[in-house]
């Protein structure tokens, strides 16, 4: 994975871990590994890298594809992800 997208993916993992929409407690004691959400994070990071933004609907679509269900936190996750998006030159 290229370094800029790897760094962005790591940011996305940290955001997903903070919200922990599936209740997996990644990186915590008896929880799952800290990078449990990495597959979803890669998809979300790719959208952020390509467009510089993301919507709650896009988060929900990715969540549904990976987990077969939506997440009530999609809009809040999208808001946090937008703050992590790479800045585009003007």
Protein backbone atom coordinates (compact mmCIF):
# COMPACT_ATOMS: atom_id res chain seq x y z
CA UNK A 1 0.00 0.00 0.00
CA UNK A 2 1.38 3.44 -0.89
CA UNK A 3 2.52 5.48 2.09
CA UNK A 4 -0.01 8.37 1.77
CA UNK A 5 -2.98 5.99 1.51
CA UNK A 6 -1.53 3.84 4.33
CA UNK A 7 -1.36 6.88 6.61
CA UNK A 8 -4.90 7.87 5.67
CA UNK A 9 -6.12 4.30 6.25
CA UNK A 10 -4.55 4.37 9.72
CA UNK A 11 -6.38 7.63 10.48
CA UNK A 12 -9.63 6.03 9.34
CA UNK A 13 -8.97 2.96 11.52
CA UNK A 14 -8.52 5.22 14.55
CA UNK A 15 -11.80 6.99 13.79
CA UNK A 16 -13.66 3.72 13.32
CA UNK A 17 -12.16 2.37 16.55
CA UNK A 18 -13.37 5.44 18.40
CA UNK A 19 -16.94 4.91 17.15
CA UNK A 20 -16.69 1.09 17.22
CA UNK A 21 -20.04 0.65 15.45
CA UNK A 22 -19.98 -3.16 15.76
CA UNK A 23 -18.99 -3.22 19.44
CA UNK A 24 -15.78 -5.16 18.76
CA UNK A 25 -13.59 -3.17 21.18
CA UNK A 26 -10.58 -3.21 18.83
CA UNK A 27 -7.23 -2.96 20.54
CA UNK A 28 -8.72 -3.32 24.01
CA UNK A 29 -7.76 -6.22 26.29
CA UNK A 30 -9.97 -9.10 25.23
CA UNK A 31 -11.31 -7.25 22.17
CA UNK A 32 -10.31 -7.74 18.57
CA UNK A 33 -6.97 -6.50 17.08
CA UNK A 34 -6.63 -2.71 16.85
CA UNK A 35 -6.83 -2.92 13.04
CA UNK A 36 -10.00 -5.05 12.99
CA UNK A 37 -11.75 -2.44 10.83
CA UNK A 38 -8.90 -2.22 8.29
CA UNK A 39 -10.82 -3.67 5.29
CA UNK A 40 -13.60 -1.13 5.75
CA UNK A 41 -11.05 1.59 6.47
CA UNK A 42 -9.29 0.90 3.16
CA UNK A 43 -12.56 1.38 1.26
CA UNK A 44 -13.39 4.57 3.16
CA UNK A 45 -9.84 5.92 2.70
CA UNK A 46 -10.03 5.28 -1.04
CA UNK A 47 -13.14 7.47 -1.27
CA UNK A 48 -11.50 10.20 0.81
CA UNK A 49 -8.32 10.04 -1.26
CA UNK A 50 -10.22 10.25 -4.56
CA UNK A 51 -12.78 12.91 -3.71
CA UNK A 52 -11.59 14.65 -0.54
CA UNK A 53 -14.95 14.06 1.14
CA UNK A 54 -17.40 11.34 2.12
CA UNK A 55 -21.09 11.17 2.99
CA UNK A 56 -23.00 9.23 5.57
CA UNK A 57 -24.67 7.33 2.72
CA UNK A 58 -21.25 6.24 1.42
CA UNK A 59 -20.20 5.10 4.89
CA UNK A 60 -23.46 3.19 5.24
CA UNK A 61 -23.05 1.53 1.83
CA UNK A 62 -19.57 0.30 2.73
CA UNK A 63 -20.79 -0.84 6.12
CA UNK A 64 -23.65 -2.77 4.58
CA UNK A 65 -21.33 -4.40 2.05
CA UNK A 66 -18.95 -5.64 4.76
CA UNK A 67 -21.39 -6.41 7.58
CA UNK A 68 -24.76 -6.89 5.91
CA UNK A 69 -26.28 -4.13 8.01
CA UNK A 70 -26.28 -0.36 8.26
CA UNK A 71 -24.77 1.64 11.09
CA UNK A 72 -26.62 4.33 13.03
CA UNK A 73 -23.31 6.17 13.33
CA UNK A 74 -22.79 6.66 9.56
CA UNK A 75 -23.34 10.43 9.56
CA UNK A 76 -21.16 11.00 12.62
CA UNK A 77 -18.43 8.77 11.20
CA UNK A 78 -18.59 10.66 7.88
CA UNK A 79 -18.21 13.99 9.70
CA UNK A 80 -15.09 12.73 11.49
CA UNK A 81 -13.70 11.21 8.31
CA UNK A 82 -14.07 14.48 6.43
CA UNK A 83 -11.80 16.13 8.99
CA UNK A 84 -9.16 13.46 8.22
CA UNK A 85 -9.43 13.86 4.43
CA UNK A 86 -6.35 15.04 2.57
CA UNK A 87 -6.45 18.75 1.85
CA UNK A 88 -6.82 19.56 -1.81
CA UNK A 89 -4.72 22.35 -3.31
CA UNK A 90 -6.71 25.37 -4.40
